C-alpha cells in the first residue's frame, strides 16, 4: 500500500506542472482565437512555411511553439478536430513544432550548462548537433509535405471582424469550449505517466546503463562512467566528462564519440519516459507514438551518422 501511495505522489509531483502548462496552452490559444489574433500571428511564420504544403494554421502553431511546444500541439489537435488538418498534416506540423525547442536550448541549456561543463571545443560540437538536428527536421518536413501533401487552403478561424470580443468573454468561451479536451488529455497523461514510473521502478530501463558500449566503440575503459551517466542524465554525464577532457585522460574526439553513443541510447529512453506520455495524451495512442517514433528516429539517425564520421576520423 505504501508503494502505491508513493507512486501516486511521485506521478502527481511530475505530472501536475506539465498539466498546468498544457492547461495554459489550451485555454491561452483558445483566447487568442476568440480575440482574432491567431491569423495575424501566422503571417510572421509564412516565410518559413511558403516552401511547404502545410496550411496556415501550422504557421500559427509554430510561433506558439517558440514558447511552448505543448501549447502548439494542442492547437494542432483542435484544428484536426475541426476537420482542417488530416493525419499526415498533423504529423508534419507537430514535427515542425519540435524544432524551436532546439533553438531555445542554445540559450537555456547549451550556453549556460553544457558549454562550461564540456569546454569550448566539445561544448560547441554538442550545440552544433542540436542545430543540425533542427535543420534536418525542417528539411524533412519541407520535402515530405511536397511529396505526400497537396496545398491546404484551411486558415485559422477568427471571430468575425465586426464582433469585438472582450477578454472576459474570450476567457469564458475558451473555457467552455476547451475543458473537455483538457480533461481528456489530463486523464491519458496521468495514466501513461503512472505506467512509465511503474516500469522504471521495476528496472525496465536499467539495462541500457550496463551495456559494454566503451569496448564496442574502442573508447578507453574510464569513459564507461561518463557514458552510462550521460544515458541516465546528460548534465551528470557532462559534469563527469568535462574534468576528464581537461585532465587529458580522454581526447576531444573520444569525448564527442561518448556524447554521440550516449545520445543514441538516451534519446529512446527520453522518448519513452517523457515524450510518449505527453504526445499520446494530446494526439492519441497511434498518432502520438508515430510522432515520437519519427522524431526520435531522425535525431538518432543524425547522431549515428555523426558517430560514423567521428569513428572514421579516429581511424
C-alpha atoms as a PDB file:
ATOM      1  CA  UNK A   1       0.000   0.000   0.000  1.00  0.00           C
ATOM      2  CA  UNK A   2       2.833   2.388   0.837  1.00  0.00           C
ATOM      3  CA  UNK A   3       4.393   1.775  -2.593  1.00  0.00           C
ATOM      4  CA  UNK A   4       1.210   2.711  -4.439  1.00  0.00           C
ATOM      5  CA  UNK A   5       0.780   5.827  -2.342  1.00  0.00           C
ATOM      6  CA  UNK A   6       4.398   6.799  -3.027  1.00  0.00           C
ATOM      7  CA  UNK A   7       3.893   6.096  -6.750  1.00  0.00           C
ATOM      8  CA  UNK A   8       0.763   8.250  -6.766  1.00  0.00           C
ATOM      9  CA  UNK A   9       2.573  11.150  -5.073  1.00  0.00           C
ATOM     10  CA  UNK A  10       5.559  10.943  -7.455  1.00  0.00           C
ATOM     11  CA  UNK A  11       3.294  10.836 -10.508  1.00  0.00           C
ATOM     12  CA  UNK A  12       1.385  13.910  -9.330  1.00  0.00           C
ATOM     13  CA  UNK A  13       4.622  15.727  -8.493  1.00  0.00           C
ATOM     14  CA  UNK A  14       5.895  15.113 -12.026  1.00  0.00           C
ATOM     15  CA  UNK A  15       2.634  15.446 -13.978  1.00  0.00           C
ATOM     16  CA  UNK A  16       0.928  18.437 -12.357  1.00  0.00           C
ATOM     17  CA  UNK A  17       3.449  21.071 -13.604  1.00  0.00           C
ATOM     18  CA  UNK A  18       3.173  19.625 -17.134  1.00  0.00           C
ATOM     19  CA  UNK A  19      -0.625  19.624 -16.972  1.00  0.00           C
ATOM     20  CA  UNK A  20      -0.557  23.239 -15.808  1.00  0.00           C
ATOM     21  CA  UNK A  21       1.445  24.147 -18.924  1.00  0.00           C
ATOM     22  CA  UNK A  22      -0.989  22.171 -21.094  1.00  0.00           C
ATOM     23  CA  UNK A  23      -3.920  23.948 -19.414  1.00  0.00           C
ATOM     24  CA  UNK A  24      -2.394  27.366 -20.069  1.00  0.00           C
ATOM     25  CA  UNK A  25      -1.570  26.385 -23.648  1.00  0.00           C
ATOM     26  CA  UNK A  26      -5.037  25.088 -24.486  1.00  0.00           C
ATOM     27  CA  UNK A  27      -7.013  27.935 -22.959  1.00  0.00           C
ATOM     28  CA  UNK A  28      -4.474  30.581 -23.930  1.00  0.00           C
ATOM     29  CA  UNK A  29      -4.590  29.623 -27.604  1.00  0.00           C
ATOM     30  CA  UNK A  30      -8.377  29.480 -27.336  1.00  0.00           C
ATOM     31  CA  UNK A  31      -8.433  33.059 -26.065  1.00  0.00           C
ATOM     32  CA  UNK A  32      -6.155  34.192 -28.910  1.00  0.00           C
ATOM     33  CA  UNK A  33      -8.503  32.580 -31.431  1.00  0.00           C
ATOM     34  CA  UNK A  34     -11.552  34.183 -29.802  1.00  0.00           C
ATOM     35  CA  UNK A  35      -9.806  37.561 -29.921  1.00  0.00           C
ATOM     36  CA  UNK A  36      -8.968  37.039 -33.613  1.00  0.00           C
ATOM     37  CA  UNK A  37      -5.203  37.203 -33.131  1.00  0.00           C
ATOM     38  CA  UNK A  38      -4.009  33.835 -34.460  1.00  0.00           C
ATOM     39  CA  UNK A  39      -4.445  34.727 -38.126  1.00  0.00           C
ATOM     40  CA  UNK A  40      -2.399  37.886 -37.587  1.00  0.00           C
ATOM     41  CA  UNK A  41       0.368  35.923 -35.839  1.00  0.00           C
ATOM     42  CA  UNK A  42       0.552  33.330 -38.610  1.00  0.00           C
ATOM     43  CA  UNK A  43       1.766  35.986 -41.062  1.00  0.00           C
ATOM     44  CA  UNK A  44       5.124  36.170 -39.294  1.00  0.00           C
ATOM     45  CA  UNK A  45       5.831  32.482 -39.939  1.00  0.00           C
ATOM     46  CA  UNK A  46       4.719  32.433 -43.583  1.00  0.00           C
ATOM     47  CA  UNK A  47       8.268  32.875 -44.990  1.00  0.00           C
ATOM     48  CA  UNK A  48       9.272  29.597 -43.302  1.00  0.00           C
ATOM     49  CA  UNK A  49       6.183  27.731 -44.481  1.00  0.00           C
ATOM     50  CA  UNK A  50       5.982  29.065 -48.042  1.00  0.00           C
ATOM     51  CA  UNK A  51       8.196  26.183 -49.195  1.00  0.00           C
ATOM     52  CA  UNK A  52       5.817  23.601 -47.725  1.00  0.00           C
ATOM     53  CA  UNK A  53       2.259  22.491 -48.476  1.00  0.00           C
ATOM     54  CA  UNK A  54       1.264  22.859 -44.846  1.00  0.00           C
ATOM     55  CA  UNK A  55      -1.737  25.097 -44.119  1.00  0.00           C
ATOM     56  CA  UNK A  56      -1.629  28.477 -42.422  1.00  0.00           C
ATOM     57  CA  UNK A  57      -2.772  27.050 -39.100  1.00  0.00           C
ATOM     58  CA  UNK A  58       0.571  25.213 -38.831  1.00  0.00           C
ATOM     59  CA  UNK A  59       2.374  28.544 -39.148  1.00  0.00           C
ATOM     60  CA  UNK A  60       0.375  29.867 -36.203  1.00  0.00           C
ATOM     61  CA  UNK A  61       1.163  26.839 -34.047  1.00  0.00           C
ATOM     62  CA  UNK A  62       4.856  27.105 -34.981  1.00  0.00           C
ATOM     63  CA  UNK A  63       5.000  30.601 -33.492  1.00  0.00           C
ATOM     64  CA  UNK A  64       3.310  29.349 -30.338  1.00  0.00           C
ATOM     65  CA  UNK A  65       5.928  26.545 -30.210  1.00  0.00           C
ATOM     66  CA  UNK A  66       8.595  29.215 -29.712  1.00  0.00           C
ATOM     67  CA  UNK A  67       7.147  29.491 -26.222  1.00  0.00           C
ATOM     68  CA  UNK A  68       5.624  26.054 -25.649  1.00  0.00           C
ATOM     69  CA  UNK A  69       5.510  23.028 -27.942  1.00  0.00           C
ATOM     70  CA  UNK A  70       2.747  21.540 -25.778  1.00  0.00           C
ATOM     71  CA  UNK A  71       0.524  24.564 -26.364  1.00  0.00           C
ATOM     72  CA  UNK A  72       1.333  24.470 -30.082  1.00  0.00           C
ATOM     73  CA  UNK A  73       0.441  20.802 -30.393  1.00  0.00           C
ATOM     74  CA  UNK A  74      -2.879  21.271 -28.610  1.00  0.00           C
ATOM     75  CA  UNK A  75      -3.685  23.894 -31.237  1.00  0.00           C
ATOM     76  CA  UNK A  76      -2.984  21.335 -33.964  1.00  0.00           C
ATOM     77  CA  UNK A  77      -5.293  18.791 -32.347  1.00  0.00           C
ATOM     78  CA  UNK A  78      -8.103  21.330 -32.201  1.00  0.00           C
ATOM     79  CA  UNK A  79      -7.684  22.112 -35.895  1.00  0.00           C
ATOM     80  CA  UNK A  80      -7.709  18.387 -36.666  1.00  0.00           C
ATOM     81  CA  UNK A  81     -10.937  18.015 -34.709  1.00  0.00           C
ATOM     82  CA  UNK A  82     -12.376  20.890 -36.761  1.00  0.00           C
ATOM     83  CA  UNK A  83     -11.561  18.976 -39.956  1.00  0.00           C
ATOM     84  CA  UNK A  84      -8.885  21.454 -41.018  1.00  0.00           C
ATOM     85  CA  UNK A  85      -5.943  19.014 -40.841  1.00  0.00           C
ATOM     86  CA  UNK A  86      -5.550  15.356 -41.788  1.00  0.00           C
ATOM     87  CA  UNK A  87      -3.259  12.880 -40.002  1.00  0.00           C
ATOM     88  CA  UNK A  88      -0.272  13.445 -42.285  1.00  0.00           C
ATOM     89  CA  UNK A  89      -0.519  17.207 -41.867  1.00  0.00           C
ATOM     90  CA  UNK A  90      -0.805  16.816 -38.095  1.00  0.00           C
ATOM     91  CA  UNK A  91       2.305  14.621 -38.030  1.00  0.00           C
ATOM     92  CA  UNK A  92       4.387  17.067 -40.075  1.00  0.00           C
ATOM     93  CA  UNK A  93       3.075  20.117 -38.176  1.00  0.00           C
ATOM     94  CA  UNK A  94       3.992  18.530 -34.859  1.00  0.00           C
ATOM     95  CA  UNK A  95       7.454  17.616 -36.177  1.00  0.00           C
ATOM     96  CA  UNK A  96       7.934  21.220 -37.268  1.00  0.00           C
ATOM     97  CA  UNK A  97       6.779  22.410 -33.836  1.00  0.00           C
ATOM     98  CA  UNK A  98       9.587  20.422 -32.207  1.00  0.00           C
ATOM     99  CA  UNK A  99      12.312  22.498 -33.895  1.00  0.00           C
ATOM    100  CA  UNK A 100      12.024  25.757 -31.876  1.00  0.00           C
ATOM    101  CA  UNK A 101      12.963  23.793 -28.751  1.00  0.00           C
ATOM    102  CA  UNK A 102      16.429  23.240 -30.237  1.00  0.00           C
ATOM    103  CA  UNK A 103      16.896  26.981 -30.660  1.00  0.00           C
ATOM    104  CA  UNK A 104      15.652  27.699 -27.131  1.00  0.00           C
ATOM    105  CA  UNK A 105      18.017  25.078 -25.750  1.00  0.00           C
ATOM    106  CA  UNK A 106      21.040  27.011 -27.017  1.00  0.00           C
ATOM    107  CA  UNK A 107      20.245  29.856 -24.598  1.00  0.00           C
ATOM    108  CA  UNK A 108      18.735  27.821 -21.750  1.00  0.00           C
ATOM    109  CA  UNK A 109      20.829  24.641 -21.852  1.00  0.00           C
ATOM    110  CA  UNK A 110      23.852  24.709 -24.171  1.00  0.00           C
ATOM    111  CA  UNK A 111      25.472  28.043 -23.304  1.00  0.00           C
ATOM    112  CA  UNK A 112      24.774  28.173 -19.533  1.00  0.00           C
ATOM    113  CA  UNK A 113      25.243  24.450 -18.750  1.00  0.00           C
ATOM    114  CA  UNK A 114      26.855  22.227 -21.384  1.00  0.00           C
ATOM    115  CA  UNK A 115      29.402  24.682 -22.778  1.00  0.00           C
ATOM    116  CA  UNK A 116      31.023  25.401 -19.385  1.00  0.00           C
ATOM    117  CA  UNK A 117      30.850  21.715 -18.424  1.00  0.00           C
ATOM    118  CA  UNK A 118      32.359  20.326 -21.641  1.00  0.00           C
ATOM    119  CA  UNK A 119      34.646  23.186 -22.653  1.00  0.00           C
ATOM    120  CA  UNK A 120      34.612  25.322 -25.794  1.00  0.00           C
ATOM    121  CA  UNK A 121      35.519  22.612 -28.339  1.00  0.00           C
ATOM    122  CA  UNK A 122      33.322  19.719 -27.235  1.00  0.00           C
ATOM    123  CA  UNK A 123      30.571  22.043 -25.964  1.00  0.00           C
ATOM    124  CA  UNK A 124      30.385  23.814 -29.341  1.00  0.00           C
ATOM    125  CA  UNK A 125      30.208  20.457 -31.108  1.00  0.00           C
ATOM    126  CA  UNK A 126      27.360  19.404 -28.826  1.00  0.00           C
ATOM    127  CA  UNK A 127      25.443  22.615 -29.624  1.00  0.00           C
ATOM    128  CA  UNK A 128      26.121  22.067 -33.338  1.00  0.00           C
ATOM    129  CA  UNK A 129      24.441  18.652 -33.125  1.00  0.00           C
ATOM    130  CA  UNK A 130      21.252  20.277 -31.829  1.00  0.00           C
ATOM    131  CA  UNK A 131      21.303  22.943 -34.547  1.00  0.00           C
ATOM    132  CA  UNK A 132      21.859  20.435 -37.354  1.00  0.00           C
ATOM    133  CA  UNK A 133      19.054  18.265 -35.942  1.00  0.00           C
ATOM    134  CA  UNK A 134      16.621  21.191 -36.154  1.00  0.00           C
ATOM    135  CA  UNK A 135      17.719  21.974 -39.726  1.00  0.00           C
ATOM    136  CA  UNK A 136      17.359  18.357 -40.863  1.00  0.00           C
ATOM    137  CA  UNK A 137      13.886  18.096 -39.320  1.00  0.00           C
ATOM    138  CA  UNK A 138      12.786  21.243 -41.151  1.00  0.00           C
ATOM    139  CA  UNK A 139      14.151  19.825 -44.418  1.00  0.00           C
ATOM    140  CA  UNK A 140      12.305  16.546 -43.793  1.00  0.00           C
ATOM    141  CA  UNK A 141       9.053  18.455 -43.248  1.00  0.00           C
ATOM    142  CA  UNK A 142       9.518  20.527 -46.422  1.00  0.00           C
ATOM    143  CA  UNK A 143      10.340  17.506 -48.611  1.00  0.00           C
ATOM    144  CA  UNK A 144       7.674  15.233 -47.098  1.00  0.00           C
ATOM    145  CA  UNK A 145       4.970  17.901 -47.408  1.00  0.00           C
ATOM    146  CA  UNK A 146       5.722  18.320 -51.105  1.00  0.00           C
ATOM    147  CA  UNK A 147       5.812  14.582 -51.717  1.00  0.00           C
ATOM    148  CA  UNK A 148       2.779  13.478 -49.713  1.00  0.00           C
ATOM    149  CA  UNK A 149       0.522  16.526 -49.308  1.00  0.00           C
ATOM    150  CA  UNK A 150      -1.492  18.825 -51.510  1.00  0.00           C
ATOM    151  CA  UNK A 151      -1.934  22.506 -50.771  1.00  0.00           C
ATOM    152  CA  UNK A 152      -4.450  23.009 -47.980  1.00  0.00           C
ATOM    153  CA  UNK A 153      -6.287  26.365 -48.014  1.00  0.00           C
ATOM    154  CA  UNK A 154      -7.510  25.932 -44.445  1.00  0.00           C
ATOM    155  CA  UNK A 155      -6.799  29.011 -42.367  1.00  0.00           C
ATOM    156  CA  UNK A 156      -7.023  29.887 -38.699  1.00  0.00           C
ATOM    157  CA  UNK A 157     -10.648  30.627 -37.931  1.00  0.00           C
ATOM    158  CA  UNK A 158     -11.018  34.033 -36.386  1.00  0.00           C
ATOM    159  CA  UNK A 159     -14.072  35.586 -34.856  1.00  0.00           C
ATOM    160  CA  UNK A 160     -15.802  37.966 -37.276  1.00  0.00           C
ATOM    161  CA  UNK A 161     -14.078  41.300 -37.552  1.00  0.00           C
ATOM    162  CA  UNK A 162     -17.298  43.102 -36.747  1.00  0.00           C
ATOM    163  CA  UNK A 163     -17.585  41.324 -33.415  1.00  0.00           C
ATOM    164  CA  UNK A 164     -15.449  42.859 -30.709  1.00  0.00           C
ATOM    165  CA  UNK A 165     -14.885  40.256 -28.016  1.00  0.00           C
ATOM    166  CA  UNK A 166     -13.887  41.351 -24.535  1.00  0.00           C
ATOM    167  CA  UNK A 167     -11.153  39.496 -22.689  1.00  0.00           C
ATOM    168  CA  UNK A 168     -13.679  38.182 -20.153  1.00  0.00           C
ATOM    169  CA  UNK A 169     -15.930  36.829 -22.908  1.00  0.00           C
ATOM    170  CA  UNK A 170     -12.969  35.265 -24.682  1.00  0.00           C
ATOM    171  CA  UNK A 171     -11.872  33.562 -21.452  1.00  0.00           C
ATOM    172  CA  UNK A 172     -15.344  32.170 -20.777  1.00  0.00           C
ATOM    173  CA  UNK A 173     -15.789  30.932 -24.340  1.00  0.00           C
ATOM    174  CA  UNK A 174     -12.384  29.307 -24.356  1.00  0.00           C
ATOM    175  CA  UNK A 175     -13.021  27.633 -21.003  1.00  0.00           C
ATOM    176  CA  UNK A 176     -16.371  26.268 -22.165  1.00  0.00           C
ATOM    177  CA  UNK A 177     -15.021  25.029 -25.480  1.00  0.00           C
ATOM    178  CA  UNK A 178     -11.715  23.527 -24.355  1.00  0.00           C
ATOM    179  CA  UNK A 179     -12.445  21.969 -20.956  1.00  0.00           C
ATOM    180  CA  UNK A 180     -13.458  18.606 -22.467  1.00  0.00           C
ATOM    181  CA  UNK A 181     -10.213  18.403 -24.470  1.00  0.00           C
ATOM    182  CA  UNK A 182      -8.119  19.260 -21.414  1.00  0.00           C
ATOM    183  CA  UNK A 183      -9.806  16.646 -19.226  1.00  0.00           C
ATOM    184  CA  UNK A 184      -9.217  14.005 -21.910  1.00  0.00           C
ATOM    185  CA  UNK A 185      -5.528  14.928 -22.180  1.00  0.00           C
ATOM    186  CA  UNK A 186      -5.096  15.044 -18.392  1.00  0.00           C
ATOM    187  CA  UNK A 187      -6.539  11.564 -17.848  1.00  0.00           C
ATOM    188  CA  UNK A 188      -4.451   9.939 -20.587  1.00  0.00           C
ATOM    189  CA  UNK A 189      -1.288  11.732 -19.479  1.00  0.00           C
ATOM    190  CA  UNK A 190      -1.706  10.627 -15.852  1.00  0.00           C
ATOM    191  CA  UNK A 191      -2.294   7.019 -16.919  1.00  0.00           C
ATOM    192  CA  UNK A 192       0.739   6.953 -19.232  1.00  0.00           C
ATOM    193  CA  UNK A 193       2.979   8.652 -16.652  1.00  0.00           C
ATOM    194  CA  UNK A 194       1.931   6.162 -13.973  1.00  0.00           C
ATOM    195  CA  UNK A 195       2.750   3.282 -16.334  1.00  0.00           C
ATOM    196  CA  UNK A 196       6.203   4.691 -17.121  1.00  0.00           C
ATOM    197  CA  UNK A 197       7.020   5.284 -13.438  1.00  0.00           C
ATOM    198  CA  UNK A 198       5.908   1.757 -12.534  1.00  0.00           C
ATOM    199  CA  UNK A 199       8.056   0.249 -15.290  1.00  0.00           C
ATOM    200  CA  UNK A 200      11.047   2.287 -14.155  1.00  0.00           C
ATOM    201  CA  UNK A 201      10.577   1.076 -10.581  1.00  0.00           C
ATOM    202  CA  UNK A 202      10.715  -2.484 -11.893  1.00  0.00           C
ATOM    203  CA  UNK A 203      14.072  -1.780 -13.563  1.00  0.00           C
ATOM    204  CA  UNK A 204      12.756  -1.851 -17.128  1.00  0.00           C
ATOM    205  CA  UNK A 205      15.105   0.950 -18.230  1.00  0.00           C
ATOM    206  CA  UNK A 206      18.253  -0.010 -16.321  1.00  0.00           C
ATOM    207  CA  UNK A 207      19.508  -2.462 -18.945  1.00  0.00           C
ATOM    208  CA  UNK A 208      20.803   0.432 -21.050  1.00  0.00           C
ATOM    209  CA  UNK A 209      23.195   1.606 -18.325  1.00  0.00           C
ATOM    210  CA  UNK A 210      25.204  -1.604 -18.160  1.00  0.00           C
ATOM    211  CA  UNK A 211      25.930  -2.247 -21.804  1.00  0.00           C
ATOM    212  CA  UNK A 212      29.678  -2.548 -22.670  1.00  0.00           C
ATOM    213  CA  UNK A 213      29.493   0.411 -25.034  1.00  0.00           C
ATOM    214  CA  UNK A 214      33.014   1.683 -24.416  1.00  0.00           C
ATOM    215  CA  UNK A 215      34.563  -1.563 -25.624  1.00  0.00           C
ATOM    216  CA  UNK A 216      32.328  -1.771 -28.700  1.00  0.00           C
ATOM    217  CA  UNK A 217      33.342   1.684 -29.918  1.00  0.00           C
ATOM    218  CA  UNK A 218      37.004   1.480 -28.934  1.00  0.00           C
ATOM    219  CA  UNK A 219      36.804   4.002 -26.105  1.00  0.00           C
ATOM    220  CA  UNK A 220      39.066   3.936 -23.042  1.00  0.00           C
ATOM    221  CA  UNK A 221      37.645   1.986 -20.114  1.00  0.00           C
ATOM    222  CA  UNK A 222      37.347   5.100 -17.937  1.00  0.00           C
ATOM    223  CA  UNK A 223      34.811   6.539 -20.393  1.00  0.00           C
ATOM    224  CA  UNK A 224      32.184   3.992 -19.323  1.00  0.00           C
ATOM    225  CA  UNK A 225      31.389   6.064 -16.209  1.00  0.00           C
ATOM    226  CA  UNK A 226      30.501   9.328 -18.024  1.00  0.00           C
ATOM    227  CA  UNK A 227      28.884   7.284 -20.806  1.00  0.00           C
ATOM    228  CA  UNK A 228      26.440   5.448 -18.576  1.00  0.00           C
ATOM    229  CA  UNK A 229      25.943   8.610 -16.507  1.00  0.00           C
ATOM    230  CA  UNK A 230      25.056  10.530 -19.665  1.00  0.00           C
ATOM    231  CA  UNK A 231      22.419   7.941 -20.592  1.00  0.00           C
ATOM    232  CA  UNK A 232      20.819   8.472 -17.187  1.00  0.00           C
ATOM    233  CA  UNK A 233      21.315  12.266 -17.169  1.00  0.00           C
ATOM    234  CA  UNK A 234      23.108  14.327 -19.857  1.00  0.00           C
ATOM    235  CA  UNK A 235      24.038  17.024 -17.330  1.00  0.00           C
ATOM    236  CA  UNK A 236      25.536  14.457 -14.944  1.00  0.00           C
ATOM    237  CA  UNK A 237      27.437  12.807 -17.790  1.00  0.00           C
ATOM    238  CA  UNK A 238      28.796  16.159 -18.977  1.00  0.00           C
ATOM    239  CA  UNK A 239      29.877  17.129 -15.460  1.00  0.00           C
ATOM    240  CA  UNK A 240      31.921  13.910 -15.261  1.00  0.00           C
ATOM    241  CA  UNK A 241      33.232  14.108 -18.826  1.00  0.00           C
ATOM    242  CA  UNK A 242      34.416  17.723 -18.507  1.00  0.00           C
ATOM    243  CA  UNK A 243      37.191  17.140 -15.930  1.00  0.00           C
ATOM    244  CA  UNK A 244      38.358  14.082 -17.896  1.00  0.00           C
ATOM    245  CA  UNK A 245      38.737  16.252 -21.002  1.00  0.00           C
ATOM    246  CA  UNK A 246      40.550  18.943 -19.037  1.00  0.00           C
ATOM    247  CA  UNK A 247      42.961  16.447 -17.467  1.00  0.00           C
ATOM    248  CA  UNK A 248      43.724  14.820 -20.810  1.00  0.00           C
ATOM    249  CA  UNK A 249      42.503  11.359 -19.789  1.00  0.00           C
ATOM    250  CA  UNK A 250      40.131  11.477 -22.748  1.00  0.00           C
ATOM    251  CA  UNK A 251      40.619  13.371 -26.025  1.00  0.00           C
ATOM    252  CA  UNK A 252      38.212  15.813 -27.648  1.00  0.00           C
ATOM    253  CA  UNK A 253      37.390  13.242 -30.307  1.00  0.00           C
ATOM    254  CA  UNK A 254      36.756  10.484 -27.774  1.00  0.00           C
ATOM    255  CA  UNK A 255      34.535  12.834 -25.766  1.00  0.00           C
ATOM    256  CA  UNK A 256      32.470  13.588 -28.879  1.00  0.00           C
ATOM    257  CA  UNK A 257      32.114   9.856 -29.541  1.00  0.00           C
ATOM    258  CA  UNK A 258      30.971   9.322 -25.948  1.00  0.00           C
ATOM    259  CA  UNK A 259      28.313  12.020 -26.391  1.00  0.00           C
ATOM    260  CA  UNK A 260      27.038  10.541 -29.664  1.00  0.00           C
ATOM    261  CA  UNK A 261      26.909   6.980 -28.333  1.00  0.00           C
ATOM    262  CA  UNK A 262      25.253   8.150 -25.130  1.00  0.00           C
ATOM    263  CA  UNK A 263      22.700  10.191 -27.089  1.00  0.00           C
ATOM    264  CA  UNK A 264      21.757   7.207 -29.251  1.00  0.00           C
ATOM    265  CA  UNK A 265      20.739   5.292 -26.128  1.00  0.00           C
ATOM    266  CA  UNK A 266      19.469   8.234 -24.094  1.00  0.00           C
ATOM    267  CA  UNK A 267      17.048   9.575 -26.732  1.00  0.00           C
ATOM    268  CA  UNK A 268      14.852   6.425 -26.957  1.00  0.00           C
ATOM    269  CA  UNK A 269      14.618   6.401 -23.152  1.00  0.00           C
ATOM    270  CA  UNK A 270      13.676  10.076 -23.226  1.00  0.00           C
ATOM    271  CA  UNK A 271      11.040   9.306 -25.825  1.00  0.00           C
ATOM    272  CA  UNK A 272       9.525   6.511 -23.730  1.00  0.00           C
ATOM    273  CA  UNK A 273       9.656   8.257 -20.361  1.00  0.00           C
ATOM    274  CA  UNK A 274       8.881  11.885 -21.241  1.00  0.00           C
ATOM    275  CA  UNK A 275       7.653  12.365 -24.784  1.00  0.00           C
ATOM    276  CA  UNK A 276       5.371   9.335 -25.229  1.00  0.00           C
ATOM    277  CA  UNK A 277       3.005  10.153 -22.321  1.00  0.00           C
ATOM    278  CA  UNK A 278       2.752  13.765 -23.457  1.00  0.00           C
ATOM    279  CA  UNK A 279       2.206  13.087 -27.160  1.00  0.00           C
ATOM    280  CA  UNK A 280      -0.167  10.167 -26.592  1.00  0.00           C
ATOM    281  CA  UNK A 281      -2.266  12.306 -24.254  1.00  0.00           C
ATOM    282  CA  UNK A 282      -2.509  15.039 -26.895  1.00  0.00           C
ATOM    283  CA  UNK A 283      -2.693  13.140 -30.199  1.00  0.00           C
ATOM    284  CA  UNK A 284      -3.985   9.734 -29.162  1.00  0.00           C
ATOM    285  CA  UNK A 285      -2.104   6.435 -28.913  1.00  0.00           C
ATOM    286  CA  UNK A 286      -1.376   5.601 -32.548  1.00  0.00           C
ATOM    287  CA  UNK A 287      -0.609   9.073 -33.883  1.00  0.00           C
ATOM    288  CA  UNK A 288       1.183  10.157 -30.706  1.00  0.00           C
ATOM    289  CA  UNK A 289       3.556   7.177 -30.788  1.00  0.00           C
ATOM    290  CA  UNK A 290       4.038   7.708 -34.520  1.00  0.00           C
ATOM    291  CA  UNK A 291       5.151  11.294 -33.976  1.00  0.00           C
ATOM    292  CA  UNK A 292       7.524  10.336 -31.158  1.00  0.00           C
ATOM    293  CA  UNK A 293       8.981   7.464 -33.198  1.00  0.00           C
ATOM    294  CA  UNK A 294       9.574   9.655 -36.258  1.00  0.00           C
ATOM    295  CA  UNK A 295      11.116  12.482 -34.256  1.00  0.00           C
ATOM    296  CA  UNK A 296      13.373  10.159 -32.239  1.00  0.00           C
ATOM    297  CA  UNK A 297      14.375   8.195 -35.353  1.00  0.00           C
ATOM    298  CA  UNK A 298      15.568  11.355 -37.110  1.00  0.00           C
ATOM    299  CA  UNK A 299      17.501  12.507 -34.034  1.00  0.00           C
ATOM    300  CA  UNK A 300      19.136   9.092 -33.503  1.00  0.00           C
ATOM    301  CA  UNK A 301      19.983   8.732 -37.201  1.00  0.00           C
ATOM    302  CA  UNK A 302      21.731  12.110 -37.231  1.00  0.00           C
ATOM    303  CA  UNK A 303      23.820  11.108 -34.221  1.00  0.00           C
ATOM    304  CA  UNK A 304      24.600   7.734 -35.785  1.00  0.00           C
ATOM    305  CA  UNK A 305      25.880   9.415 -38.958  1.00  0.00           C
ATOM    306  CA  UNK A 306      27.985  11.841 -36.923  1.00  0.00           C
ATOM    307  CA  UNK A 307      29.276   8.892 -34.880  1.00  0.00           C
ATOM    308  CA  UNK A 308      30.388   7.101 -38.051  1.00  0.00           C
ATOM    309  CA  UNK A 309      32.187  10.255 -39.194  1.00  0.00           C
ATOM    310  CA  UNK A 310      33.941  10.592 -35.836  1.00  0.00           C
ATOM    311  CA  UNK A 311      34.946   6.927 -35.827  1.00  0.00           C
ATOM    312  CA  UNK A 312      36.325   7.301 -39.353  1.00  0.00           C
ATOM    313  CA  UNK A 313      38.386  10.323 -38.254  1.00  0.00           C
ATOM    314  CA  UNK A 314      39.615   8.388 -35.210  1.00  0.00           C
ATOM    315  CA  UNK A 315      40.804   5.670 -37.549  1.00  0.00           C
END
